[in-house]
Amino acid sequence: MSTELVVDASVVLKWQLKDEEAIAQALALRDDFLLHGRISLVAPSLLVYELTNGMLTATRQRRLSRNQAEEGLAALLAAGIRLIPADPTQIFSLSHHWRVSAYDGAYLAIAEKLHSEVWTGDRAFYNACRRKGSRVRWIGDYPKGSR
């Protein structure tokens, strides 16, 4: 059985947006999931909207053409990340505790529910949660290449 990890949109978007930090690590995580089956990826249902917004923003910033963004979004949505709902009460509690947005709190709630880690490329989210006891991990610390 593979290790189940929670992944946020900032990491998944790096699979298509090649002008960001920690691309090699994000691609290694993707490959461990899609090619090697070493890990399973899970996210709150809001991942779909965050990915859509991220690709839309990339087109507005002229980082991708509309066609590239639409194809890239389709590929991200078809990757097979398991989407599950998060409990709003738990989201509120965790968001309040860690002083993060409810969106980030949803990833924390899923990680807590699954006794897992959240991998992020969102520096503000990571910095807010980096103290002892956090389930949040920085994508730049993910091992490059095969493990």
C-alpha atoms as a PDB file:
ATOM      1  CA  MET A   1       0.000   0.000   0.000  1.00  0.00           C
ATOM      2  CA  SER A   2       1.341   3.421  -0.939  1.00  0.00           C
ATOM      3  CA  THR A   3       1.757   6.364   1.404  1.00  0.00           C
ATOM      4  CA  GLU A   4      -1.154   8.800   1.221  1.00  0.00           C
ATOM      5  CA  LEU A   5      -0.157  12.470   1.025  1.00  0.00           C
ATOM      6  CA  VAL A   6      -2.256  15.612   0.854  1.00  0.00           C
ATOM      7  CA  VAL A   7      -1.167  17.950  -1.913  1.00  0.00           C
ATOM      8  CA  ASP A   8      -2.244  21.545  -2.378  1.00  0.00           C
ATOM      9  CA  ALA A   9      -2.871  23.434  -5.602  1.00  0.00           C
ATOM     10  CA  SER A  10       0.440  25.280  -5.442  1.00  0.00           C
ATOM     11  CA  VAL A  11       2.281  21.964  -5.900  1.00  0.00           C
ATOM     12  CA  VAL A  12      -0.030  20.534  -8.559  1.00  0.00           C
ATOM     13  CA  LEU A  13       0.149  23.745 -10.604  1.00  0.00           C
ATOM     14  CA  LYS A  14       3.942  23.363 -10.756  1.00  0.00           C
ATOM     15  CA  TRP A  15       3.337  20.317 -12.957  1.00  0.00           C
ATOM     16  CA  GLN A  16       2.251  22.764 -15.691  1.00  0.00           C
ATOM     17  CA  LEU A  17       3.840  26.093 -14.729  1.00  0.00           C
ATOM     18  CA  LYS A  18       7.536  25.632 -15.354  1.00  0.00           C
ATOM     19  CA  ASP A  19       8.615  29.116 -14.230  1.00  0.00           C
ATOM     20  CA  GLU A  20       8.200  28.532 -10.506  1.00  0.00           C
ATOM     21  CA  GLU A  21      10.371  27.505  -7.577  1.00  0.00           C
ATOM     22  CA  ALA A  22      10.943  23.815  -6.688  1.00  0.00           C
ATOM     23  CA  ILE A  23       9.783  22.417 -10.033  1.00  0.00           C
ATOM     24  CA  ALA A  24      12.114  19.381  -9.826  1.00  0.00           C
ATOM     25  CA  GLN A  25      10.692  18.384  -6.442  1.00  0.00           C
ATOM     26  CA  ALA A  26       7.075  18.897  -7.576  1.00  0.00           C
ATOM     27  CA  LEU A  27       7.746  16.729 -10.630  1.00  0.00           C
ATOM     28  CA  ALA A  28       9.403  14.071  -8.447  1.00  0.00           C
ATOM     29  CA  LEU A  29       6.272  13.970  -6.279  1.00  0.00           C
ATOM     30  CA  ARG A  30       4.117  13.735  -9.420  1.00  0.00           C
ATOM     31  CA  ASP A  31       6.252  10.890 -10.769  1.00  0.00           C
ATOM     32  CA  ASP A  32       6.139   9.044  -7.429  1.00  0.00           C
ATOM     33  CA  PHE A  33       2.349   9.257  -7.749  1.00  0.00           C
ATOM     34  CA  LEU A  34       1.685   8.720 -11.453  1.00  0.00           C
ATOM     35  CA  LEU A  35       4.637   6.660 -12.669  1.00  0.00           C
ATOM     36  CA  HIS A  36       5.925   4.699  -9.704  1.00  0.00           C
ATOM     37  CA  GLY A  37       2.827   4.334  -7.508  1.00  0.00           C
ATOM     38  CA  ARG A  38       4.895   5.027  -4.395  1.00  0.00           C
ATOM     39  CA  ILE A  39       2.385   7.518  -3.058  1.00  0.00           C
ATOM     40  CA  SER A  40      -1.310   8.310  -3.346  1.00  0.00           C
ATOM     41  CA  LEU A  41      -2.420  11.924  -3.514  1.00  0.00           C
ATOM     42  CA  VAL A  42      -5.487  13.364  -1.823  1.00  0.00           C
ATOM     43  CA  ALA A  43      -6.896  16.880  -1.636  1.00  0.00           C
ATOM     44  CA  PRO A  44     -10.047  18.670  -0.523  1.00  0.00           C
ATOM     45  CA  SER A  45     -12.681  19.099  -3.219  1.00  0.00           C
ATOM     46  CA  LEU A  46     -11.770  22.774  -3.557  1.00  0.00           C
ATOM     47  CA  LEU A  47      -8.604  21.708  -5.417  1.00  0.00           C
ATOM     48  CA  VAL A  48     -10.584  21.760  -8.677  1.00  0.00           C
ATOM     49  CA  TYR A  49     -11.429  25.450  -8.258  1.00  0.00           C
ATOM     50  CA  GLU A  50      -7.947  26.404  -7.117  1.00  0.00           C
ATOM     51  CA  LEU A  51      -6.388  24.678 -10.128  1.00  0.00           C
ATOM     52  CA  THR A  52      -8.877  26.371 -12.448  1.00  0.00           C
ATOM     53  CA  ASN A  53      -8.100  29.765 -10.919  1.00  0.00           C
ATOM     54  CA  GLY A  54      -4.366  29.138 -11.066  1.00  0.00           C
ATOM     55  CA  MET A  55      -4.441  28.302 -14.766  1.00  0.00           C
ATOM     56  CA  LEU A  56      -6.742  31.247 -15.468  1.00  0.00           C
ATOM     57  CA  THR A  57      -4.365  33.557 -13.620  1.00  0.00           C
ATOM     58  CA  ALA A  58      -1.430  32.166 -15.619  1.00  0.00           C
ATOM     59  CA  THR A  59      -3.207  33.102 -18.857  1.00  0.00           C
ATOM     60  CA  ARG A  60      -3.956  36.602 -17.573  1.00  0.00           C
ATOM     61  CA  GLN A  61      -0.297  37.023 -16.642  1.00  0.00           C
ATOM     62  CA  ARG A  62       0.649  35.727 -20.111  1.00  0.00           C
ATOM     63  CA  ARG A  63       2.618  32.862 -18.653  1.00  0.00           C
ATOM     64  CA  LEU A  64       0.539  30.437 -20.752  1.00  0.00           C
ATOM     65  CA  SER A  65      -1.658  30.790 -23.802  1.00  0.00           C
ATOM     66  CA  ARG A  66      -5.342  30.061 -23.347  1.00  0.00           C
ATOM     67  CA  ASN A  67      -4.941  26.785 -25.253  1.00  0.00           C
ATOM     68  CA  GLN A  68      -1.953  25.732 -23.120  1.00  0.00           C
ATOM     69  CA  ALA A  69      -3.877  26.571 -19.949  1.00  0.00           C
ATOM     70  CA  GLU A  70      -7.002  24.671 -21.018  1.00  0.00           C
ATOM     71  CA  GLU A  71      -4.981  21.591 -22.011  1.00  0.00           C
ATOM     72  CA  GLY A  72      -2.872  21.834 -18.869  1.00  0.00           C
ATOM     73  CA  LEU A  73      -5.931  22.149 -16.655  1.00  0.00           C
ATOM     74  CA  ALA A  74      -7.515  19.110 -18.301  1.00  0.00           C
ATOM     75  CA  ALA A  75      -4.330  17.115 -17.644  1.00  0.00           C
ATOM     76  CA  LEU A  76      -4.203  18.214 -13.992  1.00  0.00           C
ATOM     77  CA  LEU A  77      -7.852  17.348 -13.411  1.00  0.00           C
ATOM     78  CA  ALA A  78      -7.362  13.936 -15.041  1.00  0.00           C
ATOM     79  CA  ALA A  79      -4.319  13.060 -12.911  1.00  0.00           C
ATOM     80  CA  GLY A  80      -6.404  11.050 -10.467  1.00  0.00           C
ATOM     81  CA  ILE A  81      -5.876  12.959  -7.239  1.00  0.00           C
ATOM     82  CA  ARG A  82      -8.562  11.705  -4.859  1.00  0.00           C
ATOM     83  CA  LEU A  83     -10.845  14.557  -3.848  1.00  0.00           C
ATOM     84  CA  ILE A  84     -12.685  14.405  -0.554  1.00  0.00           C
ATOM     85  CA  PRO A  85     -14.843  16.886   1.354  1.00  0.00           C
ATOM     86  CA  ALA A  86     -13.473  18.599   4.439  1.00  0.00           C
ATOM     87  CA  ASP A  87     -15.519  19.339   7.550  1.00  0.00           C
ATOM     88  CA  PRO A  88     -16.223  23.111   7.796  1.00  0.00           C
ATOM     89  CA  THR A  89     -16.052  23.095  11.611  1.00  0.00           C
ATOM     90  CA  GLN A  90     -12.630  21.476  11.518  1.00  0.00           C
ATOM     91  CA  ILE A  91     -11.516  23.865   8.759  1.00  0.00           C
ATOM     92  CA  PHE A  92     -12.522  26.819  10.934  1.00  0.00           C
ATOM     93  CA  SER A  93     -10.750  25.437  13.996  1.00  0.00           C
ATOM     94  CA  LEU A  94      -7.499  24.615  12.187  1.00  0.00           C
ATOM     95  CA  SER A  95      -7.515  27.867  10.213  1.00  0.00           C
ATOM     96  CA  HIS A  96      -7.962  29.819  13.444  1.00  0.00           C
ATOM     97  CA  HIS A  97      -5.257  27.853  15.251  1.00  0.00           C
ATOM     98  CA  TRP A  98      -2.638  28.192  12.497  1.00  0.00           C
ATOM     99  CA  ARG A  99      -3.790  31.674  11.370  1.00  0.00           C
ATOM    100  CA  VAL A 100      -4.264  30.647   7.747  1.00  0.00           C
ATOM    101  CA  SER A 101      -7.100  30.999   5.251  1.00  0.00           C
ATOM    102  CA  ALA A 102     -10.020  28.593   5.260  1.00  0.00           C
ATOM    103  CA  TYR A 103      -8.715  27.313   1.926  1.00  0.00           C
ATOM    104  CA  ASP A 104      -5.421  26.302   3.550  1.00  0.00           C
ATOM    105  CA  GLY A 105      -7.361  25.034   6.551  1.00  0.00           C
ATOM    106  CA  ALA A 106      -9.204  22.611   4.265  1.00  0.00           C
ATOM    107  CA  TYR A 107      -5.903  20.962   3.319  1.00  0.00           C
ATOM    108  CA  LEU A 108      -4.969  20.773   7.008  1.00  0.00           C
ATOM    109  CA  ALA A 109      -8.333  19.211   7.854  1.00  0.00           C
ATOM    110  CA  ILE A 110      -7.864  16.493   5.247  1.00  0.00           C
ATOM    111  CA  ALA A 111      -4.317  15.803   6.460  1.00  0.00           C
ATOM    112  CA  GLU A 112      -5.514  15.539  10.042  1.00  0.00           C
ATOM    113  CA  LYS A 113      -8.378  13.250   9.024  1.00  0.00           C
ATOM    114  CA  LEU A 114      -5.973  10.946   7.169  1.00  0.00           C
ATOM    115  CA  HIS A 115      -3.069  11.289   9.649  1.00  0.00           C
ATOM    116  CA  SER A 116      -0.969  12.506   6.750  1.00  0.00           C
ATOM    117  CA  GLU A 117       1.170  15.449   5.618  1.00  0.00           C
ATOM    118  CA  VAL A 118       0.296  18.409   3.401  1.00  0.00           C
ATOM    119  CA  TRP A 119       2.884  19.221   0.738  1.00  0.00           C
ATOM    120  CA  THR A 120       2.786  22.875  -0.349  1.00  0.00           C
ATOM    121  CA  GLY A 121       4.597  25.327  -2.557  1.00  0.00           C
ATOM    122  CA  ASP A 122       2.828  28.266  -0.913  1.00  0.00           C
ATOM    123  CA  ARG A 123       5.507  29.986   1.152  1.00  0.00           C
ATOM    124  CA  ALA A 124       3.022  31.953   3.311  1.00  0.00           C
ATOM    125  CA  PHE A 125       1.085  28.777   4.178  1.00  0.00           C
ATOM    126  CA  TYR A 126       4.288  26.893   4.945  1.00  0.00           C
ATOM    127  CA  ASN A 127       5.741  29.700   7.070  1.00  0.00           C
ATOM    128  CA  ALA A 128       2.506  30.007   9.076  1.00  0.00           C
ATOM    129  CA  CYS A 129       2.574  26.283   9.846  1.00  0.00           C
ATOM    130  CA  ARG A 130       6.236  25.395  10.078  1.00  0.00           C
ATOM    131  CA  ARG A 131       6.472  25.182  13.844  1.00  0.00           C
ATOM    132  CA  LYS A 132       6.536  21.888  15.724  1.00  0.00           C
ATOM    133  CA  GLY A 133       3.440  19.740  15.403  1.00  0.00           C
ATOM    134  CA  SER A 134       2.470  20.915  11.945  1.00  0.00           C
ATOM    135  CA  ARG A 135       1.598  18.514   9.166  1.00  0.00           C
ATOM    136  CA  VAL A 136       2.743  21.006   6.492  1.00  0.00           C
ATOM    137  CA  ARG A 137       5.854  20.235   4.431  1.00  0.00           C
ATOM    138  CA  TRP A 138       7.679  22.459   1.930  1.00  0.00           C
ATOM    139  CA  ILE A 139       7.786  21.013  -1.606  1.00  0.00           C
ATOM    140  CA  GLY A 140      11.403  22.146  -1.928  1.00  0.00           C
ATOM    141  CA  ASP A 141      12.278  19.503   0.690  1.00  0.00           C
ATOM    142  CA  TYR A 142      10.740  16.643  -1.339  1.00  0.00           C
ATOM    143  CA  PRO A 143      13.475  14.314  -2.633  1.00  0.00           C
ATOM    144  CA  LYS A 144      14.373  14.904  -6.288  1.00  0.00           C
ATOM    145  CA  GLY A 145      14.362  11.879  -8.584  1.00  0.00           C
ATOM    146  CA  SER A 146      13.584   8.346  -7.554  1.00  0.00           C
ATOM    147  CA  ARG A 147      13.567   7.441  -3.877  1.00  0.00           C
END
